[in-house]
Amino acid sequence: MADAPGFQLKGSAPERYEQYVAPIMAPFVTALLDAVDLYPGAVVLDLACGTGFAARAAAARVGPSGRVFGADVNEGMLKVAEARHPRMYPDIEFTAAPADRLPYADATFDAVICQQGAQFFPDLDAALAETARVTRPGGRFAATVWADRGLSPYFDAQYAVIEQYGGPDVAESYAAALACTADRFTAALRSAGFHDATARETTFGITLPPLAEYGRGQLSVTPWGQEILDTRGEEVLAEAGRALADRLAGHAAPDGTATLPFTATLTTAVR
């Protein structure tokens, strides 16, 4: 979920990113890997890999005869990915690189996956053209991007809080992260040289930790939360987190946890 100026984390945020993002991402990572039908020995690229949780899951599937690579522009995220790489899996090679300038030879990968990163590419067409270049003929591509925020109550509430505490410009940046439509994505894939491009909405009910703490923590590992922190300070960020929990209070269980639907668009194609 990190590949461009639109999603950059700094300070201690990369270290905390997985703690707060993994609960939301986990079922979508499984769906993403199922979509490319990984097999033992496959060579896989996790594009915009962030802290590497999709890369690690891919490595577990391709086994010791496979190879996994991860590319991202955020070096802080890559440091966390390297530190969390379990050595029981095949080696995972993480590289700092933008999606439109990948340091790999033509037709290198049997599969390319991209978990919540494509919406942050400065030039989606250039990134997918480069992805097509490094994917072997017949290789598979799959990506997830968040669907309209109205389909995910957590994101809808978070947008309102970001607008309230961060202002319209920060809210506009947040909205742009949920604006990559299925038609736009599949058209870009076809233009890049992929075929059989399809997209479908995928929804999972996800149980989040107690919202009183989780809302502030998850907001703090996003660029929009960091903007609130940088411009208005720690107390305002904490207040925003409390406001988010209040907006979602109707979904909370007695222990403070909340099970909410999250919807992403899963897009697949073949090279």
Protein backbone atom coordinates (compact mmCIF):
# COMPACT_ATOMS: atom_id res chain seq x y z
CA MET A 1 0.00 0.00 0.00
CA ALA A 2 2.92 2.30 -0.58
CA ASP A 3 4.59 3.26 -3.81
CA ALA A 4 4.35 6.97 -4.52
CA PRO A 5 4.35 10.47 -3.11
CA GLY A 6 0.67 9.81 -2.33
CA PHE A 7 1.58 7.27 0.35
CA GLN A 8 4.78 8.02 2.19
CA LEU A 9 5.42 7.17 5.83
CA LYS A 10 8.17 8.58 8.01
CA GLY A 11 9.52 8.41 11.54
CA SER A 12 8.26 5.39 13.48
CA ALA A 13 5.16 4.93 11.30
CA PRO A 14 6.64 2.14 9.11
CA GLU A 15 7.41 0.06 12.22
CA ARG A 16 3.80 0.42 13.40
CA TYR A 17 2.22 0.03 9.96
CA GLU A 18 1.65 -3.72 10.04
CA GLN A 19 0.25 -3.67 13.57
CA TYR A 20 -2.61 -1.45 12.48
CA VAL A 21 -3.00 -2.36 8.82
CA ALA A 22 -2.62 -6.16 8.87
CA PRO A 23 -6.08 -6.82 10.39
CA ILE A 24 -7.71 -5.03 7.47
CA MET A 25 -5.42 -6.39 4.76
CA ALA A 26 -5.20 -10.07 5.70
CA PRO A 27 -8.28 -11.51 3.91
CA PHE A 28 -7.62 -9.42 0.82
CA VAL A 29 -4.04 -10.74 0.62
CA THR A 30 -5.44 -14.28 0.57
CA ALA A 31 -7.89 -13.35 -2.20
CA LEU A 32 -5.10 -11.69 -4.16
CA LEU A 33 -2.87 -14.76 -4.03
CA ASP A 34 -5.76 -17.07 -4.90
CA ALA A 35 -6.41 -14.93 -7.99
CA VAL A 36 -2.95 -15.56 -9.47
CA ASP A 37 -3.04 -19.28 -8.63
CA LEU A 38 0.51 -19.50 -7.27
CA TYR A 39 2.30 -22.82 -7.52
CA PRO A 40 5.56 -24.26 -6.11
CA GLY A 41 8.55 -22.84 -7.94
CA ALA A 42 6.85 -19.71 -9.25
CA VAL A 43 8.73 -16.39 -9.47
CA VAL A 44 6.60 -13.59 -8.02
CA LEU A 45 6.82 -9.80 -7.73
CA ASP A 46 4.99 -7.96 -4.94
CA LEU A 47 4.63 -4.51 -6.48
CA ALA A 48 4.37 -1.60 -4.01
CA CYS A 49 5.14 -4.20 -1.35
CA GLY A 50 5.17 -1.92 1.70
CA THR A 51 6.28 -3.90 4.73
CA GLY A 52 6.03 -7.15 2.80
CA PHE A 53 3.07 -9.03 4.21
CA ALA A 54 1.84 -10.04 0.73
CA ALA A 55 5.40 -11.03 -0.26
CA ARG A 56 5.71 -13.25 2.81
CA ALA A 57 2.37 -14.91 2.10
CA ALA A 58 3.44 -15.49 -1.52
CA ALA A 59 6.73 -17.02 -0.40
CA ALA A 60 4.86 -19.52 1.75
CA ARG A 61 2.92 -20.64 -1.32
CA VAL A 62 5.71 -20.90 -3.89
CA GLY A 63 7.89 -22.91 -1.51
CA PRO A 64 11.66 -23.32 -1.37
CA SER A 65 11.95 -23.77 -5.16
CA GLY A 66 10.25 -20.42 -5.83
CA ARG A 67 11.48 -16.84 -5.62
CA VAL A 68 9.78 -13.69 -4.43
CA PHE A 69 10.73 -10.06 -5.03
CA GLY A 70 9.28 -6.92 -3.49
CA ALA A 71 9.57 -3.38 -4.85
CA ASP A 72 8.52 -0.12 -3.17
CA VAL A 73 9.67 3.50 -3.13
CA ASN A 74 9.39 3.88 0.65
CA GLU A 75 12.73 2.82 2.11
CA GLY A 76 11.42 2.95 5.68
CA MET A 77 8.80 0.35 4.77
CA LEU A 78 11.42 -1.80 3.06
CA LYS A 79 13.59 -1.81 6.19
CA VAL A 80 10.66 -3.25 8.12
CA ALA A 81 10.06 -5.79 5.34
CA GLU A 82 13.66 -6.95 5.54
CA ALA A 83 13.51 -7.25 9.33
CA ARG A 84 10.29 -9.27 9.24
CA HIS A 85 11.39 -11.66 6.50
CA PRO A 86 11.10 -15.19 7.97
CA ARG A 87 14.06 -17.32 6.91
CA MET A 88 12.02 -20.52 6.70
CA TYR A 89 10.63 -19.31 3.38
CA PRO A 90 12.56 -18.90 0.11
CA ASP A 91 14.61 -15.76 -0.04
CA ILE A 92 12.68 -12.53 -0.63
CA GLU A 93 14.63 -9.78 -2.34
CA PHE A 94 13.35 -6.31 -1.50
CA THR A 95 14.35 -3.38 -3.71
CA ALA A 96 13.69 0.35 -3.58
CA ALA A 97 12.15 1.17 -6.96
CA PRO A 98 9.15 3.02 -8.38
CA ALA A 99 6.51 1.03 -10.24
CA ASP A 100 7.28 2.68 -13.58
CA ARG A 101 11.04 1.96 -13.42
CA LEU A 102 11.52 -1.61 -12.23
CA PRO A 103 15.06 -3.05 -12.09
CA TYR A 104 14.13 -6.44 -13.55
CA ALA A 105 14.70 -8.07 -16.92
CA ASP A 106 11.92 -8.58 -19.44
CA ALA A 107 9.59 -11.54 -18.81
CA THR A 108 11.00 -12.28 -15.35
CA PHE A 109 7.85 -13.05 -13.35
CA ASP A 110 5.24 -15.78 -13.44
CA ALA A 111 2.95 -13.56 -11.38
CA VAL A 112 2.79 -9.94 -10.21
CA ILE A 113 0.62 -8.94 -7.26
CA CYS A 114 -0.18 -5.46 -5.97
CA GLN A 115 -2.00 -5.07 -2.66
CA GLN A 116 -3.52 -1.60 -2.27
CA GLY A 117 -0.72 0.20 -4.08
CA ALA A 118 -1.88 0.96 -7.62
CA GLN A 119 -4.11 3.86 -6.57
CA PHE A 120 -0.97 5.73 -5.46
CA PHE A 121 1.01 5.37 -8.69
CA PRO A 122 1.65 8.84 -10.17
CA ASP A 123 1.15 7.37 -13.68
CA LEU A 124 -0.95 4.20 -13.65
CA ASP A 125 -0.50 3.60 -17.39
CA ALA A 126 3.29 3.82 -17.19
CA ALA A 127 3.37 1.55 -14.13
CA LEU A 128 1.24 -1.12 -15.79
CA ALA A 129 3.26 -0.92 -19.01
CA GLU A 130 6.39 -1.57 -16.94
CA THR A 131 4.59 -4.38 -15.11
CA ALA A 132 3.69 -5.96 -18.45
CA ARG A 133 7.33 -5.76 -19.53
CA VAL A 134 8.57 -7.78 -16.56
CA THR A 135 5.74 -10.36 -16.68
CA ARG A 136 6.32 -13.44 -18.82
CA PRO A 137 3.81 -14.29 -21.59
CA GLY A 138 0.97 -16.16 -19.93
CA GLY A 139 1.90 -14.76 -16.52
CA ARG A 140 -0.84 -13.52 -14.23
CA PHE A 141 -1.45 -10.13 -12.63
CA ALA A 142 -3.75 -9.30 -9.72
CA ALA A 143 -4.29 -6.13 -7.72
CA THR A 144 -6.66 -4.80 -5.12
CA VAL A 145 -7.70 -1.19 -4.66
CA TRP A 146 -10.31 0.05 -2.23
CA ALA A 147 -13.78 0.45 -3.70
CA ASP A 148 -16.00 3.48 -3.10
CA ARG A 149 -15.73 4.45 0.56
CA GLY A 150 -19.51 4.25 0.93
CA LEU A 151 -19.12 0.47 0.78
CA SER A 152 -16.73 0.44 3.76
CA PRO A 153 -18.18 2.19 6.84
CA TYR A 154 -14.76 2.50 8.48
CA PHE A 155 -13.34 4.44 5.53
CA ASP A 156 -16.47 6.54 5.24
CA ALA A 157 -16.17 7.55 8.88
CA GLN A 158 -12.42 8.09 8.56
CA TYR A 159 -12.93 10.43 5.60
CA ALA A 160 -15.31 12.58 7.66
CA VAL A 161 -12.80 12.74 10.52
CA ILE A 162 -9.91 13.63 8.21
CA GLU A 163 -11.99 16.39 6.63
CA GLN A 164 -12.90 17.73 10.09
CA TYR A 165 -9.41 17.67 11.59
CA GLY A 166 -7.17 17.87 8.52
CA GLY A 167 -9.12 20.20 6.28
CA PRO A 168 -10.42 19.94 2.70
CA ASP A 169 -7.05 19.49 0.99
CA VAL A 170 -6.09 16.51 3.16
CA ALA A 171 -9.58 15.06 2.70
CA GLU A 172 -9.28 15.47 -1.06
CA SER A 173 -6.02 13.50 -1.00
CA TYR A 174 -7.75 10.77 1.01
CA ALA A 175 -10.66 10.64 -1.44
CA ALA A 176 -8.23 10.27 -4.35
CA ALA A 177 -6.89 7.09 -2.75
CA LEU A 178 -10.33 5.52 -3.18
CA ALA A 179 -10.96 6.81 -6.68
CA CYS A 180 -9.34 4.19 -8.92
CA THR A 181 -12.35 2.66 -10.67
CA ALA A 182 -12.60 -0.81 -12.15
CA ASP A 183 -13.11 0.60 -15.65
CA ARG A 184 -10.02 2.79 -15.37
CA PHE A 185 -7.90 -0.10 -14.14
CA THR A 186 -8.98 -2.67 -16.71
CA ALA A 187 -8.59 -0.15 -19.54
CA ALA A 188 -5.04 0.62 -18.41
CA LEU A 189 -4.21 -3.09 -18.23
CA ARG A 190 -5.42 -3.65 -21.81
CA SER A 191 -3.45 -0.66 -23.04
CA ALA A 192 -0.35 -2.06 -21.32
CA GLY A 193 -0.63 -5.37 -23.22
CA PHE A 194 -2.52 -7.57 -20.77
CA HIS A 195 -5.61 -9.52 -21.84
CA ASP A 196 -8.60 -11.08 -20.08
CA ALA A 197 -8.71 -8.10 -17.71
CA THR A 198 -11.59 -8.42 -15.27
CA ALA A 199 -12.60 -6.67 -12.05
CA ARG A 200 -15.02 -7.56 -9.28
CA GLU A 201 -15.88 -6.20 -5.86
CA THR A 202 -14.78 -8.35 -2.93
CA THR A 203 -16.14 -7.80 0.58
CA PHE A 204 -15.00 -9.23 3.90
CA GLY A 205 -16.34 -8.68 7.38
CA ILE A 206 -13.29 -7.82 9.47
CA THR A 207 -13.14 -7.65 13.24
CA LEU A 208 -11.04 -4.72 14.42
CA PRO A 209 -9.43 -4.35 17.86
CA PRO A 210 -11.16 -2.01 20.34
CA LEU A 211 -11.83 1.16 18.40
CA ALA A 212 -10.92 3.57 21.18
CA GLU A 213 -7.24 2.74 20.65
CA TYR A 214 -7.25 1.27 17.16
CA GLY A 215 -8.81 4.28 15.42
CA ARG A 216 -6.07 6.66 16.52
CA GLY A 217 -3.31 4.10 15.89
CA GLN A 218 -4.45 3.21 12.39
CA LEU A 219 -4.89 6.87 11.48
CA SER A 220 -1.35 7.57 12.68
CA VAL A 221 0.15 5.18 10.09
CA THR A 222 -1.46 6.94 7.13
CA PRO A 223 -0.14 10.03 5.32
CA TRP A 224 -3.34 11.88 6.23
CA GLY A 225 -2.94 11.18 9.92
CA GLN A 226 0.69 12.24 9.70
CA GLU A 227 -0.42 15.50 8.10
CA ILE A 228 -2.76 16.15 11.03
CA LEU A 229 0.06 15.32 13.44
CA ASP A 230 2.57 17.56 11.67
CA THR A 231 0.28 20.57 11.34
CA ARG A 232 -1.92 20.36 14.45
CA GLY A 233 -0.08 18.17 16.93
CA GLU A 234 -0.42 14.96 18.89
CA GLU A 235 -3.46 15.98 20.91
CA VAL A 236 -5.48 16.84 17.81
CA LEU A 237 -4.54 13.51 16.23
CA ALA A 238 -5.70 11.77 19.42
CA GLU A 239 -8.93 13.77 19.30
CA ALA A 240 -9.44 12.68 15.68
CA GLY A 241 -8.97 9.07 16.73
CA ARG A 242 -11.62 9.45 19.43
CA ALA A 243 -13.97 11.08 16.93
CA LEU A 244 -13.52 8.12 14.59
CA ALA A 245 -14.36 5.66 17.38
CA ASP A 246 -17.43 7.74 18.25
CA ARG A 247 -18.66 7.67 14.65
CA LEU A 248 -18.39 3.87 14.62
CA ALA A 249 -19.77 3.31 18.12
CA GLY A 250 -22.95 1.77 16.74
CA HIS A 251 -20.88 -1.10 15.30
CA ALA A 252 -18.95 -1.80 18.49
CA ALA A 253 -19.39 -4.91 20.62
CA PRO A 254 -19.41 -4.71 24.45
CA ASP A 255 -15.64 -5.31 24.50
CA GLY A 256 -15.03 -2.38 22.14
CA THR A 257 -14.16 -4.44 19.07
CA ALA A 258 -16.14 -3.92 15.88
CA THR A 259 -16.85 -6.16 12.92
CA LEU A 260 -17.24 -4.07 9.78
CA PRO A 261 -17.50 -4.76 6.05
CA PHE A 262 -14.57 -3.69 3.89
CA THR A 263 -14.88 -3.75 0.10
CA ALA A 264 -12.08 -3.74 -2.45
CA THR A 265 -11.99 -4.09 -6.20
CA LEU A 266 -9.98 -7.17 -7.20
CA THR A 267 -8.62 -6.80 -10.74
CA THR A 268 -6.94 -9.63 -12.66
CA ALA A 269 -5.35 -10.02 -16.07
CA VAL A 270 -3.08 -12.29 -18.11
CA ARG A 271 0.05 -11.18 -19.98
